[in-house]
Amino acid sequence: MPTLKTLASHLKSTEASEIAEAAMVLPLVFMLVLGIIWFGRAFNVYSTIQQAAQQGAIAAARDSCATCGSAPLSQLPAAGTVDTAVSNVLQADNLSLSQIQTWKANTPTPGLVSCPLPAPPFSCNLSANKIWVCSSVLLNSATQPAQCGAVVSFKYPFSFNLLSLTSLGSVTMSAQAQSRMEN
C-alpha cells in the first residue's frame, strides 16, 4: 500500500509537469478555437448581407407592374419593396434590420450615371432602413447597348460577443450589389 509520501513524490514527478503543460497549452487552443468560430461567423454574416444586397438590387431593378406587358420601366418599385427583400434575407440568418448603417452620407456610389432614354430618370433614395437604393443607373458605360440597372448598398456592424458577457471587437461590413433591368 503506497504511503502518502510515495504518492506525493510520484505526483510531483509526472502529474505536476502534465498539469503545467496543460495550463500553458489549453488557453492557446481555446483562443485558436475561438478565432475559428469568430472568423466563421463573420464570414457567414458577410455572406448574408451580400445576399441581402443582391436580393434588394434584384427587387429594385424589377418593374412594379408585372402585367403591363412591354411598358417602359417607368414604374420602379418603392423603397419598401427593397427593404422587404433585404429584411427577408437578414431575418433568415437572425440578423437585425435595425442595425443597418448608411453606406455613405452624401453619395451612395460615386460615378453612377443616369441611363439614356427611354429608361426612367436616375434616382437615389435612402430607404426607411438606411439602405441606399439607386434605380435606373448606367451600370457599365463601355457596353453597347448601355445596360441600365439598380444598385443597393448598406453597411452592417458585426461584433462577436462571448457568452453575452463581453464583446471581443466590432467590424463594420459593407454590402453593395447591382442588378440590370430587363426590358
N, C-alpha and C. Protein backbone atom coordinates (compact mmCIF):
# COMPACT_ATOMS: atom_id res chain seq x y z
N MET A 1 0.85 -1.17 0.00
CA MET A 1 0.00 0.00 0.00
C MET A 1 0.89 1.23 0.00
N PRO A 2 0.66 2.10 -1.01
CA PRO A 2 1.52 3.28 -1.07
C PRO A 2 1.21 4.26 0.06
N THR A 3 2.23 4.80 0.58
CA THR A 3 2.05 5.79 1.64
C THR A 3 1.82 7.16 1.00
N LEU A 4 1.43 8.06 1.81
CA LEU A 4 1.17 9.42 1.35
C LEU A 4 2.44 10.06 0.80
N LYS A 5 3.57 9.74 1.38
CA LYS A 5 4.83 10.31 0.95
C LYS A 5 5.22 9.81 -0.44
N THR A 6 5.07 8.53 -0.70
CA THR A 6 5.41 8.00 -2.03
C THR A 6 4.43 8.49 -3.08
N LEU A 7 3.19 8.62 -2.69
CA LEU A 7 2.18 9.13 -3.63
C LEU A 7 2.48 10.58 -4.01
N ALA A 8 2.85 11.39 -3.04
CA ALA A 8 3.18 12.79 -3.31
C ALA A 8 4.42 12.91 -4.18
N SER A 9 5.42 12.08 -3.93
CA SER A 9 6.63 12.15 -4.76
C SER A 9 6.34 11.68 -6.19
N HIS A 10 5.47 10.71 -6.32
CA HIS A 10 5.10 10.23 -7.66
C HIS A 10 4.33 11.31 -8.44
N LEU A 11 3.40 12.01 -7.75
CA LEU A 11 2.65 13.08 -8.39
C LEU A 11 3.54 14.25 -8.76
N LYS A 12 4.54 14.54 -7.95
CA LYS A 12 5.46 15.63 -8.23
C LYS A 12 6.22 15.40 -9.53
N SER A 13 6.60 14.20 -9.75
CA SER A 13 7.46 13.92 -10.89
C SER A 13 6.71 13.91 -12.22
N THR A 14 5.50 13.39 -12.28
CA THR A 14 4.81 13.28 -13.57
C THR A 14 3.58 14.16 -13.68
N GLU A 15 2.72 14.12 -12.72
CA GLU A 15 1.45 14.83 -12.80
C GLU A 15 1.64 16.34 -12.79
N ALA A 16 2.56 16.84 -12.04
CA ALA A 16 2.76 18.28 -11.96
C ALA A 16 3.21 18.84 -13.30
N SER A 17 4.06 18.13 -14.00
CA SER A 17 4.51 18.63 -15.30
C SER A 17 3.39 18.57 -16.33
N GLU A 18 2.55 17.55 -16.25
CA GLU A 18 1.41 17.46 -17.17
C GLU A 18 0.41 18.57 -16.91
N ILE A 19 0.19 18.89 -15.66
CA ILE A 19 -0.73 19.96 -15.31
C ILE A 19 -0.18 21.30 -15.80
N ALA A 20 1.11 21.52 -15.64
CA ALA A 20 1.73 22.77 -16.08
C ALA A 20 1.67 22.89 -17.61
N GLU A 21 1.92 21.78 -18.31
CA GLU A 21 1.84 21.80 -19.77
C GLU A 21 0.42 22.10 -20.23
N ALA A 22 -0.54 21.47 -19.59
CA ALA A 22 -1.94 21.71 -19.95
C ALA A 22 -2.33 23.15 -19.66
N ALA A 23 -1.82 23.71 -18.56
CA ALA A 23 -2.13 25.10 -18.21
C ALA A 23 -1.55 26.07 -19.24
N MET A 24 -0.48 25.69 -19.89
CA MET A 24 0.10 26.57 -20.90
C MET A 24 -0.55 26.36 -22.27
N VAL A 25 -0.93 25.15 -22.61
CA VAL A 25 -1.43 24.84 -23.94
C VAL A 25 -2.93 25.11 -24.08
N LEU A 26 -3.72 24.82 -23.08
CA LEU A 26 -5.18 24.96 -23.18
C LEU A 26 -5.64 26.38 -23.50
N PRO A 27 -5.09 27.43 -22.92
CA PRO A 27 -5.53 28.77 -23.33
C PRO A 27 -5.23 29.07 -24.80
N LEU A 28 -4.10 28.59 -25.30
CA LEU A 28 -3.78 28.79 -26.71
C LEU A 28 -4.75 28.04 -27.62
N VAL A 29 -5.07 26.82 -27.25
CA VAL A 29 -6.04 26.03 -28.03
C VAL A 29 -7.41 26.69 -27.97
N PHE A 30 -7.80 27.18 -26.80
CA PHE A 30 -9.08 27.85 -26.65
C PHE A 30 -9.14 29.10 -27.52
N MET A 31 -8.07 29.88 -27.54
CA MET A 31 -8.05 31.09 -28.38
C MET A 31 -8.08 30.73 -29.86
N LEU A 32 -7.42 29.65 -30.26
CA LEU A 32 -7.46 29.21 -31.65
C LEU A 32 -8.87 28.79 -32.06
N VAL A 33 -9.52 28.02 -31.22
CA VAL A 33 -10.90 27.59 -31.50
C VAL A 33 -11.83 28.79 -31.53
N LEU A 34 -11.67 29.72 -30.61
CA LEU A 34 -12.49 30.92 -30.57
C LEU A 34 -12.28 31.76 -31.83
N GLY A 35 -11.05 31.86 -32.30
CA GLY A 35 -10.76 32.58 -33.53
C GLY A 35 -11.41 31.94 -34.74
N ILE A 36 -11.40 30.62 -34.80
CA ILE A 36 -12.05 29.90 -35.91
C ILE A 36 -13.55 30.16 -35.89
N ILE A 37 -14.14 30.10 -34.72
CA ILE A 37 -15.58 30.35 -34.60
C ILE A 37 -15.90 31.80 -34.98
N TRP A 38 -15.10 32.76 -34.51
CA TRP A 38 -15.32 34.17 -34.81
C TRP A 38 -15.21 34.43 -36.30
N PHE A 39 -14.16 33.90 -36.93
CA PHE A 39 -13.99 34.10 -38.36
C PHE A 39 -15.12 33.45 -39.15
N GLY A 40 -15.55 32.26 -38.75
CA GLY A 40 -16.66 31.58 -39.43
C GLY A 40 -17.94 32.37 -39.33
N ARG A 41 -18.22 32.92 -38.17
CA ARG A 41 -19.45 33.72 -38.01
C ARG A 41 -19.36 35.02 -38.81
N ALA A 42 -18.18 35.65 -38.79
CA ALA A 42 -18.00 36.88 -39.57
C ALA A 42 -18.19 36.61 -41.05
N PHE A 43 -17.66 35.50 -41.54
CA PHE A 43 -17.83 35.14 -42.94
C PHE A 43 -19.30 34.88 -43.26
N ASN A 44 -20.01 34.24 -42.33
CA ASN A 44 -21.43 33.97 -42.51
C ASN A 44 -22.23 35.26 -42.57
N VAL A 45 -21.93 36.22 -41.70
CA VAL A 45 -22.64 37.50 -41.71
C VAL A 45 -22.35 38.26 -43.00
N TYR A 46 -21.08 38.26 -43.43
CA TYR A 46 -20.72 38.95 -44.67
C TYR A 46 -21.45 38.34 -45.86
N SER A 47 -21.49 37.03 -45.92
CA SER A 47 -22.19 36.34 -47.00
C SER A 47 -23.68 36.67 -46.98
N THR A 48 -24.26 36.74 -45.81
CA THR A 48 -25.68 37.04 -45.69
C THR A 48 -26.00 38.46 -46.13
N ILE A 49 -25.19 39.45 -45.72
CA ILE A 49 -25.50 40.82 -46.11
C ILE A 49 -25.26 41.03 -47.61
N GLN A 50 -24.29 40.33 -48.19
CA GLN A 50 -24.10 40.42 -49.63
C GLN A 50 -25.31 39.83 -50.37
N GLN A 51 -25.82 38.71 -49.88
CA GLN A 51 -27.01 38.10 -50.48
C GLN A 51 -28.22 39.02 -50.32
N ALA A 52 -28.31 39.68 -49.17
CA ALA A 52 -29.42 40.62 -48.94
C ALA A 52 -29.34 41.80 -49.91
N ALA A 53 -28.14 42.32 -50.11
CA ALA A 53 -27.97 43.43 -51.05
C ALA A 53 -28.32 42.98 -52.47
N GLN A 54 -27.93 41.77 -52.84
CA GLN A 54 -28.24 41.26 -54.18
C GLN A 54 -29.75 41.11 -54.37
N GLN A 55 -30.43 40.57 -53.38
CA GLN A 55 -31.89 40.43 -53.47
C GLN A 55 -32.57 41.80 -53.52
N GLY A 56 -32.02 42.77 -52.78
CA GLY A 56 -32.56 44.13 -52.83
C GLY A 56 -32.37 44.76 -54.20
N ALA A 57 -31.20 44.54 -54.80
CA ALA A 57 -30.93 45.08 -56.14
C ALA A 57 -31.84 44.45 -57.18
N ILE A 58 -32.07 43.16 -57.06
CA ILE A 58 -32.99 42.48 -57.99
C ILE A 58 -34.39 43.06 -57.84
N ALA A 59 -34.82 43.29 -56.60
CA ALA A 59 -36.15 43.87 -56.37
C ALA A 59 -36.21 45.31 -56.90
N ALA A 60 -35.12 46.06 -56.78
CA ALA A 60 -35.12 47.44 -57.25
C ALA A 60 -35.09 47.53 -58.77
N ALA A 61 -34.56 46.52 -59.42
CA ALA A 61 -34.44 46.54 -60.88
C ALA A 61 -35.70 46.03 -61.58
N ARG A 62 -36.61 45.45 -60.84
CA ARG A 62 -37.83 44.89 -61.44
C ARG A 62 -38.89 45.95 -61.64
N ASP A 63 -39.73 45.71 -62.63
CA ASP A 63 -40.93 46.53 -62.78
C ASP A 63 -41.85 46.25 -61.61
N SER A 64 -42.57 47.27 -61.18
CA SER A 64 -43.57 47.02 -60.14
C SER A 64 -44.88 46.56 -60.76
N CYS A 65 -44.98 46.67 -62.06
CA CYS A 65 -46.20 46.26 -62.75
C CYS A 65 -45.89 45.02 -63.58
N ALA A 66 -46.24 43.86 -63.09
CA ALA A 66 -45.91 42.61 -63.77
C ALA A 66 -46.83 42.34 -64.96
N THR A 67 -48.01 42.97 -65.00
CA THR A 67 -48.97 42.69 -66.06
C THR A 67 -49.02 43.78 -67.12
N CYS A 68 -48.02 44.68 -67.11
CA CYS A 68 -48.04 45.80 -68.04
C CYS A 68 -47.52 45.43 -69.41
N GLY A 69 -47.06 44.24 -69.61
CA GLY A 69 -46.54 43.83 -70.91
C GLY A 69 -45.21 44.47 -71.21
N SER A 70 -45.12 45.16 -72.34
CA SER A 70 -43.86 45.77 -72.75
C SER A 70 -43.81 47.26 -72.40
N ALA A 71 -44.47 47.65 -71.36
CA ALA A 71 -44.45 49.05 -70.93
C ALA A 71 -43.04 49.42 -70.50
N PRO A 72 -42.67 50.69 -70.63
CA PRO A 72 -41.33 51.10 -70.22
C PRO A 72 -41.13 50.91 -68.72
N LEU A 73 -39.87 50.87 -68.32
CA LEU A 73 -39.56 50.66 -66.91
C LEU A 73 -39.75 51.93 -66.10
N SER A 74 -40.90 52.49 -66.19
CA SER A 74 -41.15 53.76 -65.51
C SER A 74 -41.74 53.55 -64.13
N GLN A 75 -42.20 52.38 -63.87
CA GLN A 75 -42.82 52.13 -62.59
C GLN A 75 -41.87 51.34 -61.71
N LEU A 76 -40.95 52.05 -61.08
CA LEU A 76 -39.96 51.40 -60.23
C LEU A 76 -40.59 51.02 -58.90
N PRO A 77 -40.12 49.95 -58.31
CA PRO A 77 -40.69 49.54 -57.03
C PRO A 77 -40.36 50.55 -55.93
N ALA A 78 -41.21 50.62 -54.97
CA ALA A 78 -40.99 51.52 -53.85
C ALA A 78 -39.84 51.01 -53.01
N ALA A 79 -39.26 51.92 -52.22
CA ALA A 79 -38.15 51.54 -51.35
C ALA A 79 -38.58 50.46 -50.37
N GLY A 80 -39.85 50.40 -50.04
CA GLY A 80 -40.35 49.36 -49.14
C GLY A 80 -40.17 47.97 -49.71
N THR A 81 -40.25 47.84 -51.04
CA THR A 81 -40.04 46.55 -51.68
C THR A 81 -38.60 46.09 -51.48
N VAL A 82 -37.66 47.02 -51.61
CA VAL A 82 -36.25 46.69 -51.39
C VAL A 82 -36.02 46.35 -49.93
N ASP A 83 -36.61 47.14 -49.03
CA ASP A 83 -36.49 46.86 -47.60
C ASP A 83 -37.00 45.46 -47.27
N THR A 84 -38.11 45.08 -47.87
CA THR A 84 -38.68 43.76 -47.62
C THR A 84 -37.75 42.66 -48.12
N ALA A 85 -37.19 42.84 -49.31
CA ALA A 85 -36.27 41.84 -49.85
C ALA A 85 -35.04 41.69 -48.98
N VAL A 86 -34.47 42.81 -48.55
CA VAL A 86 -33.29 42.77 -47.68
C VAL A 86 -33.66 42.18 -46.33
N SER A 87 -34.78 42.60 -45.79
CA SER A 87 -35.23 42.12 -44.48
C SER A 87 -35.43 40.61 -44.45
N ASN A 88 -36.01 40.06 -45.51
CA ASN A 88 -36.25 38.62 -45.55
C ASN A 88 -34.96 37.82 -45.47
N VAL A 89 -33.93 38.27 -46.18
CA VAL A 89 -32.65 37.56 -46.15
C VAL A 89 -31.98 37.71 -44.79
N LEU A 90 -31.99 38.92 -44.23
CA LEU A 90 -31.35 39.14 -42.94
C LEU A 90 -32.05 38.36 -41.83
N GLN A 91 -33.36 38.32 -41.86
CA GLN A 91 -34.10 37.60 -40.82
C GLN A 91 -33.90 36.09 -40.91
N ALA A 92 -33.62 35.59 -42.10
CA ALA A 92 -33.37 34.15 -42.25
C ALA A 92 -32.10 33.74 -41.51
N ASP A 93 -31.19 34.68 -41.30
CA ASP A 93 -29.95 34.39 -40.57
C ASP A 93 -29.94 35.05 -39.19
N ASN A 94 -31.10 35.46 -38.72
CA ASN A 94 -31.27 36.09 -37.40
C ASN A 94 -30.44 37.36 -37.24
N LEU A 95 -30.32 38.13 -38.30
CA LEU A 95 -29.64 39.43 -38.23
C LEU A 95 -30.70 40.52 -38.13
N SER A 96 -30.40 41.54 -37.37
CA SER A 96 -31.37 42.60 -37.11
C SER A 96 -31.35 43.66 -38.20
N LEU A 97 -32.50 43.98 -38.73
CA LEU A 97 -32.63 45.02 -39.75
C LEU A 97 -32.33 46.40 -39.15
N SER A 98 -32.54 46.55 -37.86
CA SER A 98 -32.33 47.84 -37.22
C SER A 98 -30.84 48.21 -37.09
N GLN A 99 -29.94 47.26 -37.31
CA GLN A 99 -28.51 47.55 -37.19
C GLN A 99 -27.88 48.05 -38.49
N ILE A 100 -28.66 48.09 -39.56
CA ILE A 100 -28.12 48.56 -40.84
C ILE A 100 -27.68 50.01 -40.70
N GLN A 101 -26.51 50.29 -41.27
CA GLN A 101 -25.98 51.65 -41.26
C GLN A 101 -25.91 52.16 -42.69
N THR A 102 -25.95 53.48 -42.85
CA THR A 102 -25.90 54.09 -44.18
C THR A 102 -24.53 53.89 -44.80
N TRP A 103 -24.52 53.59 -46.10
CA TRP A 103 -23.27 53.36 -46.82
C TRP A 103 -22.41 54.60 -46.82
N LYS A 104 -22.90 55.69 -47.38
CA LYS A 104 -22.19 56.98 -47.40
C LYS A 104 -23.22 58.07 -47.21
N ALA A 105 -22.83 59.14 -46.57
CA ALA A 105 -23.79 60.17 -46.23
C ALA A 105 -24.33 60.90 -47.45
N ASN A 106 -23.47 61.28 -48.38
CA ASN A 106 -23.93 62.12 -49.48
C ASN A 106 -24.22 61.34 -50.75
N THR A 107 -23.26 60.61 -51.24
CA THR A 107 -23.44 59.88 -52.49
C THR A 107 -23.24 58.40 -52.23
N PRO A 108 -24.19 57.56 -52.56
CA PRO A 108 -24.08 56.14 -52.28
C PRO A 108 -22.99 55.46 -53.10
N THR A 109 -22.87 55.78 -54.34
CA THR A 109 -21.84 55.19 -55.18
C THR A 109 -21.39 56.23 -56.19
N PRO A 110 -20.21 56.79 -56.00
CA PRO A 110 -19.77 57.83 -56.92
C PRO A 110 -19.55 57.27 -58.31
N GLY A 111 -19.83 58.10 -59.30
CA GLY A 111 -19.59 57.69 -60.67
C GLY A 111 -20.80 57.10 -61.37
N LEU A 112 -21.91 56.96 -60.69
CA LEU A 112 -23.10 56.43 -61.35
C LEU A 112 -23.65 57.49 -62.30
N VAL A 113 -24.08 57.05 -63.46
CA VAL A 113 -24.59 57.95 -64.49
C VAL A 113 -26.01 57.54 -64.81
N SER A 114 -26.82 58.52 -65.13
CA SER A 114 -28.20 58.25 -65.49
C SER A 114 -28.27 57.46 -66.78
N CYS A 115 -29.25 56.60 -66.87
CA CYS A 115 -29.44 55.80 -68.08
C CYS A 115 -29.96 56.68 -69.21
N PRO A 116 -29.59 56.33 -70.44
CA PRO A 116 -30.16 57.07 -71.57
C PRO A 116 -31.64 56.76 -71.71
N LEU A 117 -32.36 57.63 -72.38
CA LEU A 117 -33.79 57.39 -72.62
C LEU A 117 -33.96 56.13 -73.45
N PRO A 118 -35.04 55.41 -73.35
CA PRO A 118 -36.29 55.70 -72.68
C PRO A 118 -36.37 55.20 -71.24
N ALA A 119 -35.23 54.87 -70.64
CA ALA A 119 -35.26 54.40 -69.25
C ALA A 119 -35.69 55.54 -68.33
N PRO A 120 -36.19 55.20 -67.16
CA PRO A 120 -36.63 56.24 -66.22
C PRO A 120 -35.44 57.06 -65.72
N PRO A 121 -35.70 58.23 -65.19
CA PRO A 121 -34.59 59.07 -64.73
C PRO A 121 -33.86 58.44 -63.54
N PHE A 122 -32.59 58.77 -63.45
CA PHE A 122 -31.72 58.30 -62.39
C PHE A 122 -32.21 58.84 -61.05
N SER A 123 -32.27 57.99 -60.06
CA SER A 123 -32.68 58.46 -58.73
C SER A 123 -32.04 57.59 -57.66
N CYS A 124 -31.56 58.23 -56.62
CA CYS A 124 -31.03 57.53 -55.44
C CYS A 124 -31.85 57.94 -54.24
N ASN A 125 -32.32 56.98 -53.52
CA ASN A 125 -33.14 57.25 -52.34
C ASN A 125 -32.61 56.45 -51.16
N LEU A 126 -32.72 57.02 -49.99
CA LEU A 126 -32.40 56.33 -48.76
C LEU A 126 -33.69 55.76 -48.21
N SER A 127 -33.74 54.44 -48.07
CA SER A 127 -34.98 53.81 -47.61
C SER A 127 -35.16 54.06 -46.12
N ALA A 128 -36.29 53.61 -45.61
CA ALA A 128 -36.60 53.78 -44.19
C ALA A 128 -35.59 53.06 -43.31
N ASN A 129 -34.95 52.03 -43.84
CA ASN A 129 -33.98 51.25 -43.06
C ASN A 129 -32.54 51.57 -43.42
N LYS A 130 -32.28 52.79 -43.90
CA LYS A 130 -30.93 53.30 -44.20
C LYS A 130 -30.23 52.54 -45.32
N ILE A 131 -30.98 52.02 -46.27
CA ILE A 131 -30.42 51.31 -47.41
C ILE A 131 -30.45 52.26 -48.60
N TRP A 132 -29.29 52.46 -49.26
CA TRP A 132 -29.26 53.28 -50.47
C TRP A 132 -29.78 52.46 -51.62
N VAL A 133 -30.78 52.98 -52.31
CA VAL A 133 -31.35 52.33 -53.48
C VAL A 133 -31.22 53.31 -54.64
N CYS A 134 -30.40 52.96 -55.62
CA CYS A 134 -30.24 53.78 -56.81
C CYS A 134 -30.86 53.03 -57.97
N SER A 135 -31.88 53.61 -58.56
CA SER A 135 -32.57 52.97 -59.66
C SER A 135 -32.26 53.68 -60.97
N SER A 136 -32.30 52.94 -62.03
CA SER A 136 -32.10 53.45 -63.37
C SER A 136 -30.73 54.10 -63.53
N VAL A 137 -29.69 53.38 -63.15
CA VAL A 137 -28.33 53.87 -63.30
C VAL A 137 -27.64 53.09 -64.42
N LEU A 138 -26.68 53.73 -65.05
CA LEU A 138 -25.90 53.08 -66.09
C LEU A 138 -24.84 52.23 -65.41
N LEU A 139 -24.94 50.91 -65.57
CA LEU A 139 -24.05 50.01 -64.86
C LEU A 139 -22.67 49.95 -65.48
N ASN A 140 -22.59 49.94 -66.80
CA ASN A 140 -21.30 49.86 -67.46
C ASN A 140 -21.38 50.65 -68.75
N SER A 141 -20.71 51.79 -68.79
CA SER A 141 -20.81 52.65 -69.96
C SER A 141 -20.05 52.08 -71.15
N ALA A 142 -19.20 51.08 -70.95
CA ALA A 142 -18.42 50.51 -72.05
C ALA A 142 -19.22 49.52 -72.88
N THR A 143 -20.30 49.00 -72.34
CA THR A 143 -21.08 48.00 -73.08
C THR A 143 -22.01 48.69 -74.07
N GLN A 144 -22.21 48.04 -75.18
CA GLN A 144 -23.15 48.55 -76.19
C GLN A 144 -24.19 47.48 -76.45
N PRO A 145 -25.43 47.67 -76.30
CA PRO A 145 -26.05 48.90 -75.81
C PRO A 145 -25.84 49.05 -74.30
N ALA A 146 -26.07 50.24 -73.81
CA ALA A 146 -25.88 50.53 -72.40
C ALA A 146 -26.81 49.67 -71.55
N GLN A 147 -26.30 49.21 -70.42
CA GLN A 147 -27.11 48.40 -69.51
C GLN A 147 -27.53 49.25 -68.32
N CYS A 148 -28.83 49.36 -68.17
CA CYS A 148 -29.37 50.10 -67.04
C CYS A 148 -29.68 49.12 -65.92
N GLY A 149 -29.68 49.61 -64.71
CA GLY A 149 -29.97 48.72 -63.59
C GLY A 149 -30.19 49.47 -62.31
N ALA A 150 -30.01 48.76 -61.22
CA ALA A 150 -30.20 49.31 -59.89
C ALA A 150 -29.04 48.90 -59.02
N VAL A 151 -28.70 49.76 -58.07
CA VAL A 151 -27.63 49.50 -57.12
C VAL A 151 -28.21 49.63 -55.72
N VAL A 152 -27.90 48.67 -54.86
CA VAL A 152 -28.33 48.70 -53.47
C VAL A 152 -27.08 48.57 -52.61
N SER A 153 -26.95 49.45 -51.61
CA SER A 153 -25.77 49.39 -50.75
C SER A 153 -26.13 49.78 -49.33
N PHE A 154 -25.45 49.14 -48.37
CA PHE A 154 -25.60 49.46 -46.95
C PHE A 154 -24.43 48.88 -46.18
N LYS A 155 -24.34 49.26 -44.91
CA LYS A 155 -23.31 48.74 -44.01
C LYS A 155 -23.99 47.98 -42.88
N TYR A 156 -23.26 47.00 -42.34
CA TYR A 156 -23.80 46.23 -41.22
C TYR A 156 -22.67 45.97 -40.23
N PRO A 157 -22.87 46.30 -38.96
CA PRO A 157 -21.82 46.05 -37.96
C PRO A 157 -21.83 44.59 -37.50
N PHE A 158 -20.66 44.07 -37.25
CA PHE A 158 -20.54 42.72 -36.71
C PHE A 158 -19.68 42.78 -35.46
N SER A 159 -20.20 42.26 -34.37
CA SER A 159 -19.40 42.15 -33.15
C SER A 159 -19.58 40.75 -32.59
N PHE A 160 -18.48 40.18 -32.19
CA PHE A 160 -18.51 38.82 -31.65
C PHE A 160 -18.63 38.91 -30.14
N ASN A 161 -19.74 38.47 -29.61
CA ASN A 161 -19.98 38.50 -28.18
C ASN A 161 -19.64 37.15 -27.58
N LEU A 162 -18.88 37.16 -26.51
CA LEU A 162 -18.50 35.94 -25.81
C LEU A 162 -19.47 35.69 -24.67
N LEU A 163 -20.30 34.68 -24.83
CA LEU A 163 -21.28 34.28 -23.81
C LEU A 163 -22.16 35.42 -23.35
N SER A 164 -22.46 36.35 -24.24
CA SER A 164 -23.31 37.51 -23.96
C SER A 164 -22.78 38.36 -22.81
N LEU A 165 -21.52 38.21 -22.48
CA LEU A 165 -20.94 38.97 -21.39
C LEU A 165 -20.09 40.14 -21.89
N THR A 166 -19.30 39.88 -22.89
CA THR A 166 -18.39 40.90 -23.37
C THR A 166 -18.24 40.80 -24.88
N SER A 167 -17.94 41.91 -25.50
CA SER A 167 -17.71 41.93 -26.93
C SER A 167 -16.21 41.89 -27.18
N LEU A 168 -15.79 41.05 -28.11
CA LEU A 168 -14.37 40.92 -28.41
C LEU A 168 -13.92 41.86 -29.52
N GLY A 169 -14.78 42.70 -30.00
CA GLY A 169 -14.42 43.64 -31.06
C GLY A 169 -15.58 43.82 -32.01
N SER A 170 -15.48 44.86 -32.82
CA SER A 170 -16.54 45.15 -33.77
C SER A 170 -15.93 45.52 -35.11
N VAL A 171 -16.59 45.06 -36.17
CA VAL A 171 -16.17 45.33 -37.54
C VAL A 171 -17.42 45.77 -38.30
N THR A 172 -17.29 46.81 -39.13
CA THR A 172 -18.40 47.24 -39.96
C THR A 172 -18.18 46.72 -41.38
N MET A 173 -19.12 45.92 -41.85
CA MET A 173 -19.01 45.31 -43.17
C MET A 173 -19.89 46.07 -44.16
N SER A 174 -19.40 46.23 -45.37
CA SER A 174 -20.15 46.93 -46.41
C SER A 174 -20.69 45.93 -47.42
N ALA A 175 -21.92 46.15 -47.84
CA ALA A 175 -22.54 45.30 -48.85
C ALA A 175 -23.04 46.19 -49.98
N GLN A 176 -22.73 45.79 -51.21
CA GLN A 176 -23.22 46.52 -52.37
C GLN A 176 -23.45 45.52 -53.49
N ALA A 177 -24.57 45.68 -54.16
CA ALA A 177 -24.89 44.80 -55.28
C ALA A 177 -25.61 45.59 -56.36
N GLN A 178 -25.48 45.13 -57.57
CA GLN A 178 -26.18 45.76 -58.68
C GLN A 178 -26.86 44.68 -59.51
N SER A 179 -27.94 45.08 -60.13
CA SER A 179 -28.70 44.17 -60.98
C SER A 179 -29.19 44.95 -62.19
N ARG A 180 -29.13 44.36 -63.35
CA ARG A 180 -29.56 45.09 -64.54
C ARG A 180 -31.06 44.94 -64.74
N MET A 181 -31.63 45.95 -65.37
CA MET A 181 -33.07 45.94 -65.66
C MET A 181 -33.30 45.19 -66.95
N GLU A 182 -34.33 44.40 -66.97
CA GLU A 182 -34.70 43.66 -68.16
C GLU A 182 -35.82 44.40 -68.88
N ASN A 183 -35.72 44.52 -70.17
CA ASN A 183 -36.77 45.18 -70.95
C ASN A 183 -37.81 44.18 -71.39
